[in-house]
């Protein structure tokens, strides 16, 4: 059997507007995240991600150069 933590809410005094605080800006939310919730080793993870991205991009660039040379060889005849 599953228990549910449902609590009813009374909106009888509501004027139709949002009852919460005004929307926070993206920069405030991001700043709070990096200050309170981000891991301490974020920089090392970002560097590792950049290294993996560069490692994956180099063969793709090499293949693009080979494809360009192939197209030039086909069109020159």
N, C-alpha and C. Protein backbone atom coordinates (compact mmCIF):
# COMPACT_ATOMS: atom_id res chain seq x y z
N UNK A 1 0.83 -1.16 0.00
CA UNK A 1 0.00 0.00 0.00
C UNK A 1 0.89 1.25 0.00
N UNK A 2 0.47 2.27 -0.70
CA UNK A 2 1.26 3.49 -0.81
C UNK A 2 0.59 4.62 -0.05
N UNK A 3 1.38 5.38 0.69
CA UNK A 3 0.86 6.54 1.41
C UNK A 3 1.15 7.79 0.58
N UNK A 4 0.19 8.68 0.55
CA UNK A 4 0.35 9.95 -0.16
C UNK A 4 0.33 11.08 0.84
N UNK A 5 1.19 12.05 0.64
CA UNK A 5 1.26 13.21 1.53
C UNK A 5 0.50 14.38 0.95
N UNK A 6 -0.77 14.18 0.57
CA UNK A 6 -1.55 15.23 -0.06
C UNK A 6 -2.16 16.15 0.99
N UNK A 7 -1.99 17.46 0.78
CA UNK A 7 -2.61 18.45 1.65
C UNK A 7 -3.38 19.41 0.77
N UNK A 8 -4.63 19.64 1.09
CA UNK A 8 -5.43 20.57 0.30
C UNK A 8 -5.00 22.00 0.60
N UNK A 9 -5.21 22.88 -0.38
CA UNK A 9 -4.84 24.28 -0.26
C UNK A 9 -6.08 25.12 -0.47
N UNK A 10 -6.26 26.14 0.33
CA UNK A 10 -7.41 27.01 0.22
C UNK A 10 -7.03 28.25 -0.58
N UNK A 11 -7.68 28.44 -1.73
CA UNK A 11 -7.43 29.59 -2.59
C UNK A 11 -8.56 30.60 -2.51
N UNK A 12 -9.35 30.57 -1.46
CA UNK A 12 -10.53 31.44 -1.40
C UNK A 12 -10.15 32.92 -1.34
N UNK A 13 -9.00 33.27 -0.75
CA UNK A 13 -8.60 34.66 -0.66
C UNK A 13 -7.69 35.09 -1.79
N UNK A 14 -7.53 34.26 -2.80
CA UNK A 14 -6.61 34.55 -3.88
C UNK A 14 -7.21 35.53 -4.85
N UNK A 15 -6.39 36.44 -5.35
CA UNK A 15 -6.86 37.41 -6.34
C UNK A 15 -6.52 36.97 -7.76
N UNK A 16 -6.02 35.76 -7.92
CA UNK A 16 -5.67 35.28 -9.25
C UNK A 16 -4.23 35.51 -9.61
N UNK A 17 -3.52 36.24 -8.79
CA UNK A 17 -2.10 36.48 -9.04
C UNK A 17 -1.29 35.37 -8.40
N UNK A 18 -0.03 35.29 -8.80
CA UNK A 18 0.86 34.30 -8.19
C UNK A 18 1.08 34.64 -6.73
N UNK A 19 1.05 33.63 -5.91
CA UNK A 19 1.20 33.84 -4.49
C UNK A 19 2.65 33.79 -4.04
N UNK A 20 3.54 33.45 -4.92
CA UNK A 20 4.95 33.32 -4.55
C UNK A 20 5.69 34.63 -4.82
N UNK A 21 6.96 34.64 -4.50
CA UNK A 21 7.81 35.81 -4.74
C UNK A 21 7.96 36.03 -6.24
N UNK A 22 8.30 37.24 -6.66
CA UNK A 22 8.52 37.49 -8.08
C UNK A 22 9.65 36.61 -8.62
N UNK A 23 9.62 36.36 -9.91
CA UNK A 23 10.60 35.47 -10.54
C UNK A 23 12.01 35.99 -10.34
N UNK A 24 12.91 35.09 -10.00
CA UNK A 24 14.31 35.45 -9.83
C UNK A 24 15.00 35.39 -11.18
N UNK A 25 16.02 36.19 -11.35
CA UNK A 25 16.73 36.20 -12.61
C UNK A 25 17.60 34.94 -12.74
N UNK A 26 17.93 34.63 -13.97
CA UNK A 26 18.77 33.47 -14.25
C UNK A 26 20.11 33.59 -13.54
N UNK A 27 20.67 34.78 -13.52
CA UNK A 27 22.00 34.97 -12.91
C UNK A 27 21.95 34.74 -11.41
N UNK A 28 20.86 35.12 -10.76
CA UNK A 28 20.73 34.87 -9.33
C UNK A 28 20.61 33.38 -9.05
N UNK A 29 19.83 32.70 -9.87
CA UNK A 29 19.66 31.25 -9.68
C UNK A 29 20.98 30.54 -9.92
N UNK A 30 21.69 30.90 -11.00
CA UNK A 30 22.96 30.27 -11.31
C UNK A 30 23.99 30.57 -10.22
N UNK A 31 24.01 31.81 -9.74
CA UNK A 31 24.95 32.17 -8.67
C UNK A 31 24.70 31.37 -7.40
N UNK A 32 23.42 31.21 -7.05
CA UNK A 32 23.10 30.39 -5.87
C UNK A 32 23.51 28.95 -6.07
N UNK A 33 23.31 28.43 -7.28
CA UNK A 33 23.69 27.04 -7.54
C UNK A 33 25.19 26.86 -7.37
N UNK A 34 25.98 27.71 -8.01
CA UNK A 34 27.43 27.55 -7.93
C UNK A 34 27.96 27.83 -6.53
N UNK A 35 27.27 28.67 -5.78
CA UNK A 35 27.72 28.98 -4.43
C UNK A 35 27.36 27.85 -3.46
N UNK A 36 26.18 27.27 -3.61
CA UNK A 36 25.68 26.33 -2.60
C UNK A 36 25.69 24.87 -3.03
N UNK A 37 25.43 24.58 -4.30
CA UNK A 37 25.18 23.20 -4.69
C UNK A 37 26.22 22.59 -5.62
N UNK A 38 26.98 23.40 -6.32
CA UNK A 38 27.94 22.85 -7.29
C UNK A 38 29.04 22.10 -6.57
N UNK A 39 29.56 21.12 -7.23
CA UNK A 39 30.65 20.35 -6.65
C UNK A 39 31.91 21.19 -6.55
N UNK A 40 32.74 20.83 -5.63
CA UNK A 40 33.99 21.59 -5.44
C UNK A 40 34.98 21.31 -6.56
N UNK A 41 34.85 20.18 -7.21
CA UNK A 41 35.80 19.82 -8.27
C UNK A 41 35.22 20.13 -9.65
N UNK A 42 34.40 21.18 -9.76
CA UNK A 42 33.78 21.53 -11.04
C UNK A 42 34.82 21.89 -12.09
N UNK A 43 35.85 22.61 -11.70
CA UNK A 43 36.88 23.03 -12.67
C UNK A 43 37.59 21.83 -13.27
N UNK A 44 37.94 20.85 -12.44
CA UNK A 44 38.62 19.67 -12.97
C UNK A 44 37.69 18.88 -13.89
N UNK A 45 36.42 18.82 -13.58
CA UNK A 45 35.47 18.13 -14.46
C UNK A 45 35.31 18.88 -15.77
N UNK A 46 35.29 20.21 -15.72
CA UNK A 46 35.18 21.00 -16.94
C UNK A 46 36.41 20.82 -17.82
N UNK A 47 37.59 20.78 -17.23
CA UNK A 47 38.81 20.56 -18.00
C UNK A 47 38.82 19.17 -18.63
N UNK A 48 38.36 18.17 -17.87
CA UNK A 48 38.29 16.82 -18.40
C UNK A 48 37.30 16.74 -19.55
N UNK A 49 36.15 17.43 -19.45
CA UNK A 49 35.18 17.47 -20.53
C UNK A 49 35.78 18.14 -21.77
N UNK A 50 36.52 19.23 -21.58
CA UNK A 50 37.16 19.91 -22.71
C UNK A 50 38.18 18.99 -23.38
N UNK A 51 38.94 18.26 -22.59
CA UNK A 51 39.92 17.33 -23.14
C UNK A 51 39.24 16.24 -23.97
N UNK A 52 38.16 15.68 -23.45
CA UNK A 52 37.43 14.65 -24.21
C UNK A 52 36.84 15.24 -25.49
N UNK A 53 36.31 16.46 -25.41
CA UNK A 53 35.73 17.09 -26.60
C UNK A 53 36.78 17.33 -27.67
N UNK A 54 37.95 17.82 -27.27
CA UNK A 54 39.02 18.06 -28.24
C UNK A 54 39.49 16.74 -28.84
N UNK A 55 39.63 15.71 -28.01
CA UNK A 55 40.05 14.40 -28.49
C UNK A 55 39.06 13.84 -29.50
N UNK A 56 37.78 14.08 -29.29
CA UNK A 56 36.77 13.59 -30.23
C UNK A 56 36.72 14.45 -31.49
N UNK A 57 37.03 15.74 -31.38
CA UNK A 57 36.93 16.64 -32.52
C UNK A 57 38.08 16.46 -33.51
N UNK A 58 39.27 16.10 -33.05
CA UNK A 58 40.42 15.99 -33.95
C UNK A 58 40.21 14.97 -35.07
N UNK A 59 39.73 13.76 -34.81
CA UNK A 59 39.48 12.84 -35.92
C UNK A 59 38.39 13.33 -36.88
N UNK A 60 37.39 14.04 -36.35
CA UNK A 60 36.34 14.57 -37.22
C UNK A 60 36.89 15.63 -38.16
N UNK A 61 37.78 16.48 -37.66
CA UNK A 61 38.41 17.50 -38.51
C UNK A 61 39.28 16.83 -39.56
N UNK A 62 40.02 15.81 -39.17
CA UNK A 62 40.86 15.08 -40.13
C UNK A 62 40.00 14.43 -41.22
N UNK A 63 38.87 13.85 -40.83
CA UNK A 63 37.97 13.24 -41.82
C UNK A 63 37.38 14.29 -42.75
N UNK A 64 37.07 15.47 -42.23
CA UNK A 64 36.55 16.54 -43.07
C UNK A 64 37.58 16.97 -44.11
N UNK A 65 38.84 17.07 -43.70
CA UNK A 65 39.90 17.42 -44.66
C UNK A 65 40.03 16.34 -45.73
N UNK A 66 39.97 15.07 -45.34
CA UNK A 66 40.07 13.98 -46.31
C UNK A 66 38.88 14.01 -47.26
N UNK A 67 37.70 14.31 -46.77
CA UNK A 67 36.52 14.39 -47.63
C UNK A 67 36.64 15.53 -48.63
N UNK A 68 37.17 16.66 -48.20
CA UNK A 68 37.37 17.79 -49.11
C UNK A 68 38.36 17.42 -50.21
N UNK A 69 39.46 16.76 -49.84
CA UNK A 69 40.43 16.32 -50.86
C UNK A 69 39.81 15.31 -51.80
N UNK A 70 38.97 14.41 -51.30
CA UNK A 70 38.30 13.43 -52.14
C UNK A 70 37.38 14.10 -53.16
N UNK A 71 36.62 15.11 -52.69
CA UNK A 71 35.73 15.82 -53.60
C UNK A 71 36.55 16.58 -54.64
N UNK A 72 37.66 17.17 -54.27
CA UNK A 72 38.51 17.87 -55.23
C UNK A 72 39.07 16.89 -56.27
N UNK A 73 39.45 15.69 -55.82
CA UNK A 73 40.00 14.71 -56.76
C UNK A 73 38.94 14.23 -57.75
N UNK A 74 37.72 14.08 -57.29
CA UNK A 74 36.65 13.63 -58.18
C UNK A 74 36.27 14.70 -59.18
N UNK A 75 36.19 15.93 -58.75
CA UNK A 75 35.74 17.02 -59.63
C UNK A 75 36.83 17.50 -60.57
N UNK A 76 38.09 17.19 -60.34
CA UNK A 76 39.16 17.69 -61.20
C UNK A 76 39.29 16.87 -62.49
N UNK A 77 38.69 15.70 -62.57
CA UNK A 77 38.81 14.87 -63.78
C UNK A 77 37.77 15.18 -64.77
